[in-house]
Amino acid sequence: MSIADFPTHSTDFFLGGNAPEKKPSQPRMHRIREVREQQGMSLRSAARHMNMELRVLRSQEEESTDLTLSDLYRWQKVLDVPVADLLEEQESPISRPILERARLVKIMKTAAAILEKAPDLTTRRQATMLVEQLVELMPELQNVTAWHAVGHRRSLEEYGRIAERVYPDDSFGDD
């Protein structure tokens, strides 16, 4: 039997041998490590805050670990993020509460625009009710104004982007 026939161990990788075998892909259960690193919190600091051993937290951070709800809530409290941010992959860098607020602002702007342009009393009453309900859901929407009718209006002193462009004289044609 030659040396090549002996099984390799994970330490061989660090000594220049073969790489360790990869585990088969398991489903991703959470993103605790990713969120902790985004928050700038060390694992040691999290262990102190949670009053738990480092090795336990290290294993909990493995994205394939199926955690109990109480463990998830402990992580949520320490990282100060919504539990949903620990569970789901965010397609957007914006957290769910901020995204929901932005959507409500859009709806409020539309409702305010309908209220401004209401052609009859019935439409005006319905738009008023919608605005009141939105303000009830989120009081800070009280001062949201309607969409601009035609974009940003420039004063006479302001130039548009077209004024900054240089066009050759021959582009206007010779008459």
C-alpha atoms as a PDB file:
ATOM      1  CA  MET A   1       0.000   0.000   0.000  1.00  0.00           C
ATOM      2  CA  SER A   2       1.429   3.389  -0.956  1.00  0.00           C
ATOM      3  CA  ILE A   3       1.040   6.701   0.854  1.00  0.00           C
ATOM      4  CA  ALA A   4      -1.471   7.830  -1.788  1.00  0.00           C
ATOM      5  CA  ASP A   5      -3.823   5.031  -0.682  1.00  0.00           C
ATOM      6  CA  PHE A   6      -4.231   6.428   2.836  1.00  0.00           C
ATOM      7  CA  PRO A   7      -7.357   8.570   3.386  1.00  0.00           C
ATOM      8  CA  THR A   8      -6.746  12.286   3.677  1.00  0.00           C
ATOM      9  CA  HIS A   9      -7.887  14.309   6.676  1.00  0.00           C
ATOM     10  CA  SER A  10      -9.064  17.902   6.861  1.00  0.00           C
ATOM     11  CA  THR A  11      -5.660  18.947   8.229  1.00  0.00           C
ATOM     12  CA  ASP A  12      -4.099  17.882   4.919  1.00  0.00           C
ATOM     13  CA  PHE A  13      -5.762  20.840   3.282  1.00  0.00           C
ATOM     14  CA  PHE A  14      -3.766  23.267   5.421  1.00  0.00           C
ATOM     15  CA  LEU A  15      -0.568  21.341   4.793  1.00  0.00           C
ATOM     16  CA  GLY A  16      -0.953  21.557   1.027  1.00  0.00           C
ATOM     17  CA  GLY A  17      -2.874  18.294   0.509  1.00  0.00           C
ATOM     18  CA  ASN A  18      -6.276  17.662  -1.004  1.00  0.00           C
ATOM     19  CA  ALA A  19      -9.195  19.937  -0.184  1.00  0.00           C
ATOM     20  CA  PRO A  20     -11.781  18.522   2.212  1.00  0.00           C
ATOM     21  CA  GLU A  21     -14.913  17.112   0.690  1.00  0.00           C
ATOM     22  CA  LYS A  22     -17.824  19.536   0.487  1.00  0.00           C
ATOM     23  CA  LYS A  23     -21.068  18.610   2.195  1.00  0.00           C
ATOM     24  CA  PRO A  24     -24.076  18.223  -0.074  1.00  0.00           C
ATOM     25  CA  SER A  25     -26.002  21.472  -0.417  1.00  0.00           C
ATOM     26  CA  GLN A  26     -28.638  21.864   2.286  1.00  0.00           C
ATOM     27  CA  PRO A  27     -31.499  24.358   2.205  1.00  0.00           C
ATOM     28  CA  ARG A  28     -30.789  27.772   3.645  1.00  0.00           C
ATOM     29  CA  MET A  29     -32.862  28.240   6.783  1.00  0.00           C
ATOM     30  CA  HIS A  30     -31.750  31.709   7.881  1.00  0.00           C
ATOM     31  CA  ARG A  31     -29.211  34.478   7.342  1.00  0.00           C
ATOM     32  CA  ILE A  32     -28.129  35.230  10.917  1.00  0.00           C
ATOM     33  CA  ARG A  33     -24.384  35.364  10.197  1.00  0.00           C
ATOM     34  CA  GLU A  34     -24.924  37.726   7.253  1.00  0.00           C
ATOM     35  CA  VAL A  35     -27.119  40.075   9.316  1.00  0.00           C
ATOM     36  CA  ARG A  36     -24.720  39.973  12.290  1.00  0.00           C
ATOM     37  CA  GLU A  37     -21.826  40.937  10.024  1.00  0.00           C
ATOM     38  CA  GLN A  38     -23.903  43.718   8.420  1.00  0.00           C
ATOM     39  CA  GLN A  39     -24.619  45.031  11.914  1.00  0.00           C
ATOM     40  CA  GLY A  40     -20.898  45.004  12.669  1.00  0.00           C
ATOM     41  CA  MET A  41     -21.317  42.765  15.712  1.00  0.00           C
ATOM     42  CA  SER A  42     -18.696  40.158  16.551  1.00  0.00           C
ATOM     43  CA  LEU A  43     -19.712  36.642  17.474  1.00  0.00           C
ATOM     44  CA  ARG A  44     -18.018  37.109  20.847  1.00  0.00           C
ATOM     45  CA  SER A  45     -20.108  40.226  21.527  1.00  0.00           C
ATOM     46  CA  ALA A  46     -23.294  38.380  20.544  1.00  0.00           C
ATOM     47  CA  ALA A  47     -22.336  35.545  22.917  1.00  0.00           C
ATOM     48  CA  ARG A  48     -21.908  38.031  25.778  1.00  0.00           C
ATOM     49  CA  HIS A  49     -25.264  39.708  25.055  1.00  0.00           C
ATOM     50  CA  MET A  50     -27.062  36.368  24.762  1.00  0.00           C
ATOM     51  CA  ASN A  51     -25.195  34.818  27.708  1.00  0.00           C
ATOM     52  CA  MET A  52     -24.353  31.752  25.615  1.00  0.00           C
ATOM     53  CA  GLU A  53     -21.208  29.886  24.650  1.00  0.00           C
ATOM     54  CA  LEU A  54     -19.381  30.816  21.462  1.00  0.00           C
ATOM     55  CA  ARG A  55     -19.483  27.281  20.085  1.00  0.00           C
ATOM     56  CA  VAL A  56     -23.287  27.154  20.440  1.00  0.00           C
ATOM     57  CA  LEU A  57     -23.722  30.440  18.592  1.00  0.00           C
ATOM     58  CA  ARG A  58     -21.238  29.386  15.941  1.00  0.00           C
ATOM     59  CA  SER A  59     -23.341  26.300  15.214  1.00  0.00           C
ATOM     60  CA  GLN A  60     -26.564  28.349  15.279  1.00  0.00           C
ATOM     61  CA  GLU A  61     -25.098  30.702  12.690  1.00  0.00           C
ATOM     62  CA  GLU A  62     -24.701  27.903  10.157  1.00  0.00           C
ATOM     63  CA  GLU A  63     -27.351  28.769   7.590  1.00  0.00           C
ATOM     64  CA  SER A  64     -28.562  25.169   7.364  1.00  0.00           C
ATOM     65  CA  THR A  65     -29.224  24.958  11.140  1.00  0.00           C
ATOM     66  CA  ASP A  66     -32.921  24.643  11.947  1.00  0.00           C
ATOM     67  CA  LEU A  67     -33.368  26.974  14.926  1.00  0.00           C
ATOM     68  CA  THR A  68     -36.186  27.091  17.441  1.00  0.00           C
ATOM     69  CA  LEU A  69     -38.376  30.175  17.604  1.00  0.00           C
ATOM     70  CA  SER A  70     -36.898  31.128  20.972  1.00  0.00           C
ATOM     71  CA  ASP A  71     -33.393  31.056  19.425  1.00  0.00           C
ATOM     72  CA  LEU A  72     -34.553  33.226  16.516  1.00  0.00           C
ATOM     73  CA  TYR A  73     -36.113  35.733  18.907  1.00  0.00           C
ATOM     74  CA  ARG A  74     -32.882  35.859  20.952  1.00  0.00           C
ATOM     75  CA  TRP A  75     -30.930  36.666  17.789  1.00  0.00           C
ATOM     76  CA  GLN A  76     -33.571  39.206  16.769  1.00  0.00           C
ATOM     77  CA  LYS A  77     -33.284  40.983  20.105  1.00  0.00           C
ATOM     78  CA  VAL A  78     -29.477  41.082  20.048  1.00  0.00           C
ATOM     79  CA  LEU A  79     -29.225  42.210  16.407  1.00  0.00           C
ATOM     80  CA  ASP A  80     -32.168  44.621  16.754  1.00  0.00           C
ATOM     81  CA  VAL A  81     -33.768  43.644  13.423  1.00  0.00           C
ATOM     82  CA  PRO A  82     -37.172  42.208  12.510  1.00  0.00           C
ATOM     83  CA  VAL A  83     -37.304  38.402  12.653  1.00  0.00           C
ATOM     84  CA  ALA A  84     -38.276  38.378   8.963  1.00  0.00           C
ATOM     85  CA  ASP A  85     -34.878  39.903   8.114  1.00  0.00           C
ATOM     86  CA  LEU A  86     -33.230  36.877   9.717  1.00  0.00           C
ATOM     87  CA  LEU A  87     -35.320  34.392   7.768  1.00  0.00           C
ATOM     88  CA  GLU A  88     -35.726  35.616   4.256  1.00  0.00           C
ATOM     89  CA  GLU A  89     -33.269  36.629   1.610  1.00  0.00           C
ATOM     90  CA  GLN A  90     -33.664  40.308   0.915  1.00  0.00           C
ATOM     91  CA  GLU A  91     -33.784  41.126  -2.781  1.00  0.00           C
ATOM     92  CA  SER A  92     -33.602  44.770  -1.905  1.00  0.00           C
ATOM     93  CA  PRO A  93     -31.285  46.526   0.547  1.00  0.00           C
ATOM     94  CA  ILE A  94     -34.382  48.160   2.003  1.00  0.00           C
ATOM     95  CA  SER A  95     -35.933  46.463   5.004  1.00  0.00           C
ATOM     96  CA  ARG A  96     -39.566  45.398   4.886  1.00  0.00           C
ATOM     97  CA  PRO A  97     -40.925  48.195   7.180  1.00  0.00           C
ATOM     98  CA  ILE A  98     -39.240  50.887   5.083  1.00  0.00           C
ATOM     99  CA  LEU A  99     -40.493  49.309   1.863  1.00  0.00           C
ATOM    100  CA  GLU A 100     -44.046  49.179   3.250  1.00  0.00           C
ATOM    101  CA  ARG A 101     -43.805  52.824   4.318  1.00  0.00           C
ATOM    102  CA  ALA A 102     -42.657  53.811   0.825  1.00  0.00           C
ATOM    103  CA  ARG A 103     -45.613  51.978  -0.679  1.00  0.00           C
ATOM    104  CA  LEU A 104     -48.026  53.743   1.679  1.00  0.00           C
ATOM    105  CA  VAL A 105     -46.521  57.107   0.725  1.00  0.00           C
ATOM    106  CA  LYS A 106     -47.122  56.305  -2.964  1.00  0.00           C
ATOM    107  CA  ILE A 107     -50.740  55.364  -2.244  1.00  0.00           C
ATOM    108  CA  MET A 108     -51.195  58.562  -0.208  1.00  0.00           C
ATOM    109  CA  LYS A 109     -49.772  60.701  -3.046  1.00  0.00           C
ATOM    110  CA  THR A 110     -52.214  59.061  -5.464  1.00  0.00           C
ATOM    111  CA  ALA A 111     -55.147  59.541  -3.073  1.00  0.00           C
ATOM    112  CA  ALA A 112     -54.190  63.209  -2.572  1.00  0.00           C
ATOM    113  CA  ALA A 113     -53.990  63.687  -6.358  1.00  0.00           C
ATOM    114  CA  ILE A 114     -57.456  62.146  -6.789  1.00  0.00           C
ATOM    115  CA  LEU A 115     -58.770  64.424  -4.042  1.00  0.00           C
ATOM    116  CA  GLU A 116     -57.286  67.503  -5.743  1.00  0.00           C
ATOM    117  CA  LYS A 117     -58.704  66.626  -9.173  1.00  0.00           C
ATOM    118  CA  ALA A 118     -62.016  65.073  -8.067  1.00  0.00           C
ATOM    119  CA  PRO A 119     -64.584  65.923 -10.753  1.00  0.00           C
ATOM    120  CA  ASP A 120     -67.641  65.369  -8.541  1.00  0.00           C
ATOM    121  CA  LEU A 121     -68.765  65.239  -4.922  1.00  0.00           C
ATOM    122  CA  THR A 122     -68.898  61.418  -4.743  1.00  0.00           C
ATOM    123  CA  THR A 123     -65.319  61.007  -5.908  1.00  0.00           C
ATOM    124  CA  ARG A 124     -64.224  63.767  -3.521  1.00  0.00           C
ATOM    125  CA  ARG A 125     -65.911  62.015  -0.566  1.00  0.00           C
ATOM    126  CA  GLN A 126     -64.316  58.668  -1.436  1.00  0.00           C
ATOM    127  CA  ALA A 127     -60.871  60.219  -1.846  1.00  0.00           C
ATOM    128  CA  THR A 128     -61.278  62.090   1.470  1.00  0.00           C
ATOM    129  CA  MET A 129     -62.222  58.827   3.201  1.00  0.00           C
ATOM    130  CA  LEU A 130     -59.203  57.065   1.671  1.00  0.00           C
ATOM    131  CA  VAL A 131     -56.850  59.856   2.804  1.00  0.00           C
ATOM    132  CA  GLU A 132     -58.305  59.728   6.337  1.00  0.00           C
ATOM    133  CA  GLN A 133     -57.892  55.946   6.485  1.00  0.00           C
ATOM    134  CA  LEU A 134     -54.283  56.179   5.323  1.00  0.00           C
ATOM    135  CA  VAL A 135     -53.526  58.823   7.956  1.00  0.00           C
ATOM    136  CA  GLU A 136     -55.145  56.558  10.539  1.00  0.00           C
ATOM    137  CA  LEU A 137     -52.786  53.743   9.481  1.00  0.00           C
ATOM    138  CA  MET A 138     -49.734  55.978   9.438  1.00  0.00           C
ATOM    139  CA  PRO A 139     -50.125  59.455  11.007  1.00  0.00           C
ATOM    140  CA  GLU A 140     -46.946  60.834   9.396  1.00  0.00           C
ATOM    141  CA  LEU A 141     -48.762  60.704   6.031  1.00  0.00           C
ATOM    142  CA  GLN A 142     -50.800  63.747   7.106  1.00  0.00           C
ATOM    143  CA  ASN A 143     -48.531  66.215   5.271  1.00  0.00           C
ATOM    144  CA  VAL A 144     -47.898  64.175   2.111  1.00  0.00           C
ATOM    145  CA  THR A 145     -48.843  66.109  -1.011  1.00  0.00           C
ATOM    146  CA  ALA A 146     -50.164  64.903  -4.351  1.00  0.00           C
ATOM    147  CA  TRP A 147     -47.979  63.870  -7.276  1.00  0.00           C
ATOM    148  CA  HIS A 148     -46.675  66.703  -9.434  1.00  0.00           C
ATOM    149  CA  ALA A 149     -48.837  67.094 -12.511  1.00  0.00           C
ATOM    150  CA  VAL A 150     -45.932  67.599 -14.952  1.00  0.00           C
ATOM    151  CA  GLY A 151     -42.692  66.992 -13.127  1.00  0.00           C
ATOM    152  CA  HIS A 152     -40.522  69.595 -11.427  1.00  0.00           C
ATOM    153  CA  ARG A 153     -41.227  73.141 -12.551  1.00  0.00           C
ATOM    154  CA  ARG A 154     -38.124  75.258 -13.077  1.00  0.00           C
ATOM    155  CA  SER A 155     -37.949  78.914 -12.283  1.00  0.00           C
ATOM    156  CA  LEU A 156     -36.789  81.327 -14.987  1.00  0.00           C
ATOM    157  CA  GLU A 157     -33.318  81.395 -13.367  1.00  0.00           C
ATOM    158  CA  GLU A 158     -32.856  77.643 -13.622  1.00  0.00           C
ATOM    159  CA  TYR A 159     -31.540  75.951 -16.747  1.00  0.00           C
ATOM    160  CA  GLY A 160     -32.354  72.450 -17.838  1.00  0.00           C
ATOM    161  CA  ARG A 161     -29.759  69.822 -18.765  1.00  0.00           C
ATOM    162  CA  ILE A 162     -30.128  70.756 -22.404  1.00  0.00           C
ATOM    163  CA  ALA A 163     -28.555  74.161 -21.715  1.00  0.00           C
ATOM    164  CA  GLU A 164     -25.385  72.446 -20.467  1.00  0.00           C
ATOM    165  CA  ARG A 165     -24.819  70.495 -23.699  1.00  0.00           C
ATOM    166  CA  VAL A 166     -22.605  71.871 -26.440  1.00  0.00           C
ATOM    167  CA  TYR A 167     -23.842  71.392 -29.987  1.00  0.00           C
ATOM    168  CA  PRO A 168     -21.715  72.019 -33.074  1.00  0.00           C
ATOM    169  CA  ASP A 169     -22.881  74.909 -35.255  1.00  0.00           C
ATOM    170  CA  ASP A 170     -23.339  72.682 -38.291  1.00  0.00           C
ATOM    171  CA  SER A 171     -26.000  70.641 -36.495  1.00  0.00           C
ATOM    172  CA  PHE A 172     -28.464  73.526 -36.955  1.00  0.00           C
ATOM    173  CA  GLY A 173     -28.003  73.621 -40.738  1.00  0.00           C
ATOM    174  CA  ASP A 174     -26.973  76.487 -43.003  1.00  0.00           C
ATOM    175  CA  ASP A 175     -29.696  78.725 -44.319  1.00  0.00           C
END
